[in-house]
Amino acid sequence: MEKPELIVKQLDDRYWHIEESSGGGGGVNCFLVLGEKKAMLVDSGFGHEDLMTVVTGLTTLPIMLVNTHADRDHVMGNQYFDTAYMHPAEYDRYHSAVGKDAPVEALWEGDVVDLGGVQLEVILIPGHTPGSIVLLDRENRILIGGDSVQGGMVFMVGAGRNLSGYIGSMQKLKKIQGLFDRVYTGHGAMLEGSDMLDALIAGALQLKNGEAEGEEAPGPFGDSGAKVYKIGRATFLYG
């Protein structure tokens, strides 16, 4: 198995991209957003390394940790921080992953986090998980999309996944697509423009309507009966 590693890259004056590998080839994206008064770390990865040490090496600002959702590959690095902020619909999933005593604070639909010079708006998009959120930076025209808006494989297997909810959430984002030009994704390459939403909506609708053919999923996912569906530009793990 590969040794896990962190790749840290500055995207612009405000944004840093921190990619952490799983040690098995897969990677997860975290983002550090710098304001004038404080900074926000969005997601914390697998927890292989002390991410607090990494981000405090990039900024002296106080750090606010926000999770787009509570799947393990996005929250296991939370152990290095005092408190995590997320939508309350993720609390049960989060405490199952990291322990029932882990401190957590609520972020609600419509909340705006002001970092000083940068404001991030919380938008609830259930489907991938019940409390999945995206964060919209209107001024810089950036959407931090978590796992829900990406060009890689969208996991729709296991407790809390809801395909109808996911479709509704993507349609919700489609209505505001004129507010962002880039999507910073939870996995894989960043997206330019918002056209991936069309692909995700169309693919998920075909999946829901039984119009897509799947391939056997790898490893334990295949054992559970899940399949990989490649529908145009969209890919789903579903079953």
C-alpha atoms as a PDB file:
ATOM      1  CA  MET A   1       0.000   0.000   0.000  1.00  0.00           C
ATOM      2  CA  GLU A   2       1.195   3.483  -0.828  1.00  0.00           C
ATOM      3  CA  LYS A   3       2.272   5.798   1.955  1.00  0.00           C
ATOM      4  CA  PRO A   4      -0.367   8.507   2.508  1.00  0.00           C
ATOM      5  CA  GLU A   5       0.774  11.971   1.535  1.00  0.00           C
ATOM      6  CA  LEU A   6      -0.396  15.565   1.499  1.00  0.00           C
ATOM      7  CA  ILE A   7      -0.104  17.826  -1.524  1.00  0.00           C
ATOM      8  CA  VAL A   8      -0.526  21.514  -0.662  1.00  0.00           C
ATOM      9  CA  LYS A   9      -1.095  24.053  -3.425  1.00  0.00           C
ATOM     10  CA  GLN A  10      -1.975  27.739  -3.326  1.00  0.00           C
ATOM     11  CA  LEU A  11      -4.804  28.505  -5.755  1.00  0.00           C
ATOM     12  CA  ASP A  12      -4.910  32.297  -5.297  1.00  0.00           C
ATOM     13  CA  ASP A  13      -4.539  34.931  -2.578  1.00  0.00           C
ATOM     14  CA  ARG A  14      -7.494  33.485  -0.628  1.00  0.00           C
ATOM     15  CA  TYR A  15      -7.624  29.753  -1.351  1.00  0.00           C
ATOM     16  CA  TRP A  16      -5.338  26.813  -0.659  1.00  0.00           C
ATOM     17  CA  HIS A  17      -5.950  23.264  -1.887  1.00  0.00           C
ATOM     18  CA  ILE A  18      -4.820  20.411   0.367  1.00  0.00           C
ATOM     19  CA  GLU A  19      -5.123  16.944  -1.164  1.00  0.00           C
ATOM     20  CA  GLU A  20      -4.637  13.921   1.072  1.00  0.00           C
ATOM     21  CA  SER A  21      -4.205  10.434  -0.342  1.00  0.00           C
ATOM     22  CA  SER A  22      -5.771   7.416   1.327  1.00  0.00           C
ATOM     23  CA  GLY A  23      -2.606   5.393   0.995  1.00  0.00           C
ATOM     24  CA  GLY A  24      -4.430   3.238  -1.523  1.00  0.00           C
ATOM     25  CA  GLY A  25      -4.531   5.568  -4.501  1.00  0.00           C
ATOM     26  CA  GLY A  26      -7.688   7.580  -3.743  1.00  0.00           C
ATOM     27  CA  GLY A  27      -7.513  11.172  -2.602  1.00  0.00           C
ATOM     28  CA  VAL A  28      -9.728  13.701  -0.867  1.00  0.00           C
ATOM     29  CA  ASN A  29      -9.656  17.483  -1.296  1.00  0.00           C
ATOM     30  CA  CYS A  30      -9.672  19.962   1.580  1.00  0.00           C
ATOM     31  CA  PHE A  31      -9.656  23.741   1.169  1.00  0.00           C
ATOM     32  CA  LEU A  32      -8.275  26.513   3.328  1.00  0.00           C
ATOM     33  CA  VAL A  33      -9.973  29.880   2.770  1.00  0.00           C
ATOM     34  CA  LEU A  34      -8.245  32.983   4.142  1.00  0.00           C
ATOM     35  CA  GLY A  35     -10.156  36.045   5.253  1.00  0.00           C
ATOM     36  CA  GLU A  36      -8.871  39.140   6.983  1.00  0.00           C
ATOM     37  CA  LYS A  37     -10.084  38.113  10.453  1.00  0.00           C
ATOM     38  CA  LYS A  38     -10.078  34.319  10.353  1.00  0.00           C
ATOM     39  CA  ALA A  39      -9.647  31.327   8.077  1.00  0.00           C
ATOM     40  CA  MET A  40     -11.901  28.393   7.264  1.00  0.00           C
ATOM     41  CA  LEU A  41     -10.731  24.843   6.644  1.00  0.00           C
ATOM     42  CA  VAL A  42     -13.313  22.930   4.634  1.00  0.00           C
ATOM     43  CA  ASP A  43     -13.092  19.191   5.415  1.00  0.00           C
ATOM     44  CA  SER A  44     -10.181  17.448   7.096  1.00  0.00           C
ATOM     45  CA  GLY A  45      -9.524  14.263   5.143  1.00  0.00           C
ATOM     46  CA  PHE A  46      -8.459  10.832   6.345  1.00  0.00           C
ATOM     47  CA  GLY A  47      -6.573  12.097   9.399  1.00  0.00           C
ATOM     48  CA  HIS A  48      -3.234  10.484   8.525  1.00  0.00           C
ATOM     49  CA  GLU A  49      -1.377  13.696   9.376  1.00  0.00           C
ATOM     50  CA  ASP A  50      -1.909  16.560  11.828  1.00  0.00           C
ATOM     51  CA  LEU A  51      -3.735  18.950   9.551  1.00  0.00           C
ATOM     52  CA  MET A  52      -3.784  21.685  12.175  1.00  0.00           C
ATOM     53  CA  THR A  53       0.003  21.833  11.997  1.00  0.00           C
ATOM     54  CA  VAL A  54      -0.215  22.049   8.217  1.00  0.00           C
ATOM     55  CA  VAL A  55      -2.739  24.899   8.092  1.00  0.00           C
ATOM     56  CA  THR A  56      -1.108  26.909  10.885  1.00  0.00           C
ATOM     57  CA  GLY A  57       2.016  26.760   8.756  1.00  0.00           C
ATOM     58  CA  LEU A  58       0.055  28.545   6.029  1.00  0.00           C
ATOM     59  CA  THR A  59      -1.664  31.222   8.138  1.00  0.00           C
ATOM     60  CA  THR A  60      -1.595  32.763  11.611  1.00  0.00           C
ATOM     61  CA  LEU A  61      -5.329  33.457  11.488  1.00  0.00           C
ATOM     62  CA  PRO A  62      -7.670  31.548  13.822  1.00  0.00           C
ATOM     63  CA  ILE A  63      -9.063  28.476  12.055  1.00  0.00           C
ATOM     64  CA  MET A  64     -12.733  27.529  11.762  1.00  0.00           C
ATOM     65  CA  LEU A  65     -13.258  23.896  10.676  1.00  0.00           C
ATOM     66  CA  VAL A  66     -16.314  23.181   8.508  1.00  0.00           C
ATOM     67  CA  ASN A  67     -17.358  19.787   7.150  1.00  0.00           C
ATOM     68  CA  THR A  68     -19.373  19.536   3.939  1.00  0.00           C
ATOM     69  CA  HIS A  69     -20.668  16.198   5.260  1.00  0.00           C
ATOM     70  CA  ALA A  70     -19.604  13.530   7.727  1.00  0.00           C
ATOM     71  CA  ASP A  71     -18.329  10.632   5.643  1.00  0.00           C
ATOM     72  CA  ARG A  72     -15.149   9.312   7.234  1.00  0.00           C
ATOM     73  CA  ASP A  73     -12.813  10.458   4.472  1.00  0.00           C
ATOM     74  CA  HIS A  74     -13.853  14.055   5.177  1.00  0.00           C
ATOM     75  CA  VAL A  75     -13.851  14.140   8.996  1.00  0.00           C
ATOM     76  CA  MET A  76     -11.142  11.905  10.440  1.00  0.00           C
ATOM     77  CA  GLY A  77      -8.704  14.828  10.558  1.00  0.00           C
ATOM     78  CA  ASN A  78     -11.144  16.667  12.818  1.00  0.00           C
ATOM     79  CA  GLN A  79      -9.316  15.081  15.763  1.00  0.00           C
ATOM     80  CA  TYR A  80      -6.666  17.801  15.443  1.00  0.00           C
ATOM     81  CA  PHE A  81      -9.170  20.642  15.923  1.00  0.00           C
ATOM     82  CA  ASP A  82     -11.311  21.770  18.850  1.00  0.00           C
ATOM     83  CA  THR A  83     -14.734  22.029  17.206  1.00  0.00           C
ATOM     84  CA  ALA A  84     -16.274  21.093  13.874  1.00  0.00           C
ATOM     85  CA  TYR A  85     -19.122  22.970  12.191  1.00  0.00           C
ATOM     86  CA  MET A  86     -21.642  21.131  10.027  1.00  0.00           C
ATOM     87  CA  HIS A  87     -25.345  20.784   9.382  1.00  0.00           C
ATOM     88  CA  PRO A  88     -27.101  19.072  12.329  1.00  0.00           C
ATOM     89  CA  ALA A  89     -28.469  16.372  10.013  1.00  0.00           C
ATOM     90  CA  GLU A  90     -24.883  15.052   9.959  1.00  0.00           C
ATOM     91  CA  TYR A  91     -24.433  14.780  13.718  1.00  0.00           C
ATOM     92  CA  ASP A  92     -25.337  11.089  14.014  1.00  0.00           C
ATOM     93  CA  ARG A  93     -23.133  10.108  11.079  1.00  0.00           C
ATOM     94  CA  TYR A  94     -20.308  12.219  12.485  1.00  0.00           C
ATOM     95  CA  HIS A  95     -20.446  10.816  15.998  1.00  0.00           C
ATOM     96  CA  SER A  96     -20.624   7.275  14.622  1.00  0.00           C
ATOM     97  CA  ALA A  97     -17.388   7.970  12.758  1.00  0.00           C
ATOM     98  CA  VAL A  98     -15.336   9.815  15.380  1.00  0.00           C
ATOM     99  CA  GLY A  99     -17.016   9.214  18.753  1.00  0.00           C
ATOM    100  CA  LYS A 100     -20.097  10.530  20.512  1.00  0.00           C
ATOM    101  CA  ASP A 101     -18.194  13.131  22.548  1.00  0.00           C
ATOM    102  CA  ALA A 102     -16.645  14.987  19.611  1.00  0.00           C
ATOM    103  CA  PRO A 103     -17.629  18.682  19.899  1.00  0.00           C
ATOM    104  CA  VAL A 104     -19.767  20.024  17.075  1.00  0.00           C
ATOM    105  CA  GLU A 105     -21.599  23.249  16.237  1.00  0.00           C
ATOM    106  CA  ALA A 106     -24.473  23.865  13.825  1.00  0.00           C
ATOM    107  CA  LEU A 107     -24.426  25.439  10.397  1.00  0.00           C
ATOM    108  CA  TRP A 108     -27.875  26.008   8.913  1.00  0.00           C
ATOM    109  CA  GLU A 109     -29.202  26.650   5.430  1.00  0.00           C
ATOM    110  CA  GLY A 110     -28.714  30.338   4.651  1.00  0.00           C
ATOM    111  CA  ASP A 111     -26.030  30.962   7.286  1.00  0.00           C
ATOM    112  CA  VAL A 112     -23.266  33.235   6.017  1.00  0.00           C
ATOM    113  CA  VAL A 113     -19.814  32.864   7.563  1.00  0.00           C
ATOM    114  CA  ASP A 114     -17.903  36.135   7.388  1.00  0.00           C
ATOM    115  CA  LEU A 115     -14.145  35.588   7.451  1.00  0.00           C
ATOM    116  CA  GLY A 116     -13.459  39.282   6.881  1.00  0.00           C
ATOM    117  CA  GLY A 117     -13.374  40.175   3.205  1.00  0.00           C
ATOM    118  CA  VAL A 118     -14.676  36.723   2.267  1.00  0.00           C
ATOM    119  CA  GLN A 119     -18.202  35.507   2.933  1.00  0.00           C
ATOM    120  CA  LEU A 120     -19.288  31.889   2.519  1.00  0.00           C
ATOM    121  CA  GLU A 121     -22.988  31.057   2.283  1.00  0.00           C
ATOM    122  CA  VAL A 122     -24.255  27.673   3.487  1.00  0.00           C
ATOM    123  CA  ILE A 123     -26.573  25.834   1.075  1.00  0.00           C
ATOM    124  CA  LEU A 124     -28.147  22.541   2.155  1.00  0.00           C
ATOM    125  CA  ILE A 125     -28.116  19.845  -0.546  1.00  0.00           C
ATOM    126  CA  PRO A 126     -29.303  16.506   0.912  1.00  0.00           C
ATOM    127  CA  GLY A 127     -28.957  13.337  -1.120  1.00  0.00           C
ATOM    128  CA  HIS A 128     -25.372  12.134  -0.887  1.00  0.00           C
ATOM    129  CA  THR A 129     -25.918  12.434   2.877  1.00  0.00           C
ATOM    130  CA  PRO A 130     -28.847  14.015   4.755  1.00  0.00           C
ATOM    131  CA  GLY A 131     -26.909  17.109   5.800  1.00  0.00           C
ATOM    132  CA  SER A 132     -24.545  17.634   2.873  1.00  0.00           C
ATOM    133  CA  ILE A 133     -23.813  21.300   2.244  1.00  0.00           C
ATOM    134  CA  VAL A 134     -22.017  23.394  -0.315  1.00  0.00           C
ATOM    135  CA  LEU A 135     -20.404  26.753   0.403  1.00  0.00           C
ATOM    136  CA  LEU A 136     -20.896  29.643  -2.001  1.00  0.00           C
ATOM    137  CA  ASP A 137     -18.398  32.488  -2.281  1.00  0.00           C
ATOM    138  CA  ARG A 138     -20.422  34.949  -4.337  1.00  0.00           C
ATOM    139  CA  GLU A 139     -17.734  37.620  -4.641  1.00  0.00           C
ATOM    140  CA  ASN A 140     -15.082  35.241  -5.945  1.00  0.00           C
ATOM    141  CA  ARG A 141     -17.683  33.133  -7.822  1.00  0.00           C
ATOM    142  CA  ILE A 142     -16.570  29.858  -6.261  1.00  0.00           C
ATOM    143  CA  LEU A 143     -18.686  26.924  -5.064  1.00  0.00           C
ATOM    144  CA  ILE A 144     -17.111  24.436  -2.662  1.00  0.00           C
ATOM    145  CA  GLY A 145     -19.083  21.364  -3.666  1.00  0.00           C
ATOM    146  CA  GLY A 146     -17.990  18.525  -1.372  1.00  0.00           C
ATOM    147  CA  ASP A 147     -18.810  15.084  -2.780  1.00  0.00           C
ATOM    148  CA  SER A 148     -22.126  16.047  -4.337  1.00  0.00           C
ATOM    149  CA  VAL A 149     -20.831  18.218  -7.200  1.00  0.00           C
ATOM    150  CA  GLN A 150     -17.857  16.522  -8.811  1.00  0.00           C
ATOM    151  CA  GLY A 151     -16.699  14.842 -11.984  1.00  0.00           C
ATOM    152  CA  GLY A 152     -15.659  11.659 -10.194  1.00  0.00           C
ATOM    153  CA  MET A 153     -17.766   8.898  -8.691  1.00  0.00           C
ATOM    154  CA  VAL A 154     -20.725  10.046  -6.584  1.00  0.00           C
ATOM    155  CA  PHE A 155     -21.344   7.465  -3.843  1.00  0.00           C
ATOM    156  CA  MET A 156     -25.011   6.634  -3.405  1.00  0.00           C
ATOM    157  CA  VAL A 157     -24.638   3.423  -1.389  1.00  0.00           C
ATOM    158  CA  GLY A 158     -25.448   2.894   2.275  1.00  0.00           C
ATOM    159  CA  ALA A 159     -27.505   4.539   4.985  1.00  0.00           C
ATOM    160  CA  GLY A 160     -28.552   8.136   4.415  1.00  0.00           C
ATOM    161  CA  ARG A 161     -28.151   8.173   0.626  1.00  0.00           C
ATOM    162  CA  ASN A 162     -31.253   9.296  -1.235  1.00  0.00           C
ATOM    163  CA  LEU A 163     -31.305   9.532  -5.019  1.00  0.00           C
ATOM    164  CA  SER A 164     -34.503  11.594  -5.234  1.00  0.00           C
ATOM    165  CA  GLY A 165     -33.104  14.030  -2.691  1.00  0.00           C
ATOM    166  CA  TYR A 166     -29.868  14.244  -4.659  1.00  0.00           C
ATOM    167  CA  ILE A 167     -31.698  15.077  -7.876  1.00  0.00           C
ATOM    168  CA  GLY A 168     -33.670  17.801  -6.112  1.00  0.00           C
ATOM    169  CA  SER A 169     -30.488  19.252  -4.652  1.00  0.00           C
ATOM    170  CA  MET A 170     -28.729  19.387  -8.020  1.00  0.00           C
ATOM    171  CA  GLN A 171     -31.798  21.074  -9.499  1.00  0.00           C
ATOM    172  CA  LYS A 172     -31.648  23.553  -6.611  1.00  0.00           C
ATOM    173  CA  LEU A 173     -28.030  24.402  -7.481  1.00  0.00           C
ATOM    174  CA  LYS A 174     -28.904  24.635 -11.160  1.00  0.00           C
ATOM    175  CA  LYS A 175     -31.160  27.600 -10.303  1.00  0.00           C
ATOM    176  CA  ILE A 176     -28.176  29.557  -8.935  1.00  0.00           C
ATOM    177  CA  GLN A 177     -25.539  28.399 -11.405  1.00  0.00           C
ATOM    178  CA  GLY A 178     -25.068  31.978 -12.595  1.00  0.00           C
ATOM    179  CA  LEU A 179     -23.474  32.828  -9.230  1.00  0.00           C
ATOM    180  CA  PHE A 180     -20.324  30.714  -9.630  1.00  0.00           C
ATOM    181  CA  ASP A 181     -17.714  29.988 -12.300  1.00  0.00           C
ATOM    182  CA  ARG A 182     -15.651  27.329 -10.520  1.00  0.00           C
ATOM    183  CA  VAL A 183     -16.437  24.316  -8.369  1.00  0.00           C
ATOM    184  CA  TYR A 184     -13.889  23.110  -5.832  1.00  0.00           C
ATOM    185  CA  THR A 185     -14.713  19.434  -5.500  1.00  0.00           C
ATOM    186  CA  GLY A 186     -14.338  16.898  -2.690  1.00  0.00           C
ATOM    187  CA  HIS A 187     -12.477  14.493  -4.985  1.00  0.00           C
ATOM    188  CA  GLY A 188     -10.649  14.763  -8.270  1.00  0.00           C
ATOM    189  CA  ALA A 189     -10.139  17.750 -10.523  1.00  0.00           C
ATOM    190  CA  MET A 190     -11.696  21.156  -9.953  1.00  0.00           C
ATOM    191  CA  LEU A 191     -14.507  22.097 -12.340  1.00  0.00           C
ATOM    192  CA  GLU A 192     -14.649  25.176 -14.538  1.00  0.00           C
ATOM    193  CA  GLY A 193     -18.208  26.381 -15.071  1.00  0.00           C
ATOM    194  CA  SER A 194     -21.422  24.819 -13.844  1.00  0.00           C
ATOM    195  CA  ASP A 195     -22.254  22.484 -16.745  1.00  0.00           C
ATOM    196  CA  MET A 196     -21.419  19.401 -14.655  1.00  0.00           C
ATOM    197  CA  LEU A 197     -24.748  19.987 -12.914  1.00  0.00           C
ATOM    198  CA  ASP A 198     -26.580  19.135 -16.142  1.00  0.00           C
ATOM    199  CA  ALA A 199     -24.656  15.877 -16.430  1.00  0.00           C
ATOM    200  CA  LEU A 200     -25.309  14.940 -12.810  1.00  0.00           C
ATOM    201  CA  ILE A 201     -29.032  15.694 -13.053  1.00  0.00           C
ATOM    202  CA  ALA A 202     -29.455  13.797 -16.319  1.00  0.00           C
ATOM    203  CA  GLY A 203     -27.460  10.820 -15.053  1.00  0.00           C
ATOM    204  CA  ALA A 204     -29.264  10.618 -11.731  1.00  0.00           C
ATOM    205  CA  LEU A 205     -32.644  10.818 -13.465  1.00  0.00           C
ATOM    206  CA  GLN A 206     -31.722   7.941 -15.770  1.00  0.00           C
ATOM    207  CA  LEU A 207     -30.563   5.967 -12.761  1.00  0.00           C
ATOM    208  CA  LYS A 208     -33.787   6.640 -10.866  1.00  0.00           C
ATOM    209  CA  ASN A 209     -35.905   5.688 -13.882  1.00  0.00           C
ATOM    210  CA  GLY A 210     -34.045   2.406 -14.414  1.00  0.00           C
ATOM    211  CA  GLU A 211     -32.679   3.533 -17.765  1.00  0.00           C
ATOM    212  CA  ALA A 212     -28.970   3.039 -17.027  1.00  0.00           C
ATOM    213  CA  GLU A 213     -26.839  -0.094 -17.151  1.00  0.00           C
ATOM    214  CA  GLY A 214     -24.238  -0.648 -14.468  1.00  0.00           C
ATOM    215  CA  GLU A 215     -20.967  -2.495 -14.185  1.00  0.00           C
ATOM    216  CA  GLU A 216     -19.908  -4.621 -11.254  1.00  0.00           C
ATOM    217  CA  ALA A 217     -18.415  -2.454  -8.510  1.00  0.00           C
ATOM    218  CA  PRO A 218     -14.970  -3.262  -7.112  1.00  0.00           C
ATOM    219  CA  GLY A 219     -14.275  -4.992  -3.799  1.00  0.00           C
ATOM    220  CA  PRO A 220     -16.776  -4.881  -0.959  1.00  0.00           C
ATOM    221  CA  PHE A 221     -19.120  -2.603  -2.893  1.00  0.00           C
ATOM    222  CA  GLY A 222     -19.625  -5.305  -5.493  1.00  0.00           C
ATOM    223  CA  ASP A 223     -20.192  -7.860  -2.754  1.00  0.00           C
ATOM    224  CA  SER A 224     -23.045  -5.689  -1.468  1.00  0.00           C
ATOM    225  CA  GLY A 225     -24.715  -5.627  -4.869  1.00  0.00           C
ATOM    226  CA  ALA A 226     -23.761  -2.071  -5.794  1.00  0.00           C
ATOM    227  CA  LYS A 227     -22.846  -1.218  -9.368  1.00  0.00           C
ATOM    228  CA  VAL A 228     -20.917   1.533 -11.086  1.00  0.00           C
ATOM    229  CA  TYR A 229     -23.034   3.559 -13.530  1.00  0.00           C
ATOM    230  CA  LYS A 230     -21.227   5.686 -16.094  1.00  0.00           C
ATOM    231  CA  ILE A 231     -23.792   7.945 -17.709  1.00  0.00           C
ATOM    232  CA  GLY A 232     -22.290  10.562 -19.967  1.00  0.00           C
ATOM    233  CA  ARG A 233     -19.900  12.630 -17.850  1.00  0.00           C
ATOM    234  CA  ALA A 234     -21.491  11.489 -14.590  1.00  0.00           C
ATOM    235  CA  THR A 235     -20.510   8.405 -12.604  1.00  0.00           C
ATOM    236  CA  PHE A 236     -22.447   6.931  -9.701  1.00  0.00           C
ATOM    237  CA  LEU A 237     -21.897   4.062  -7.299  1.00  0.00           C
ATOM    238  CA  TYR A 238     -25.425   2.870  -6.607  1.00  0.00           C
ATOM    239  CA  GLY A 239     -27.239  -0.207  -5.420  1.00  0.00           C
END
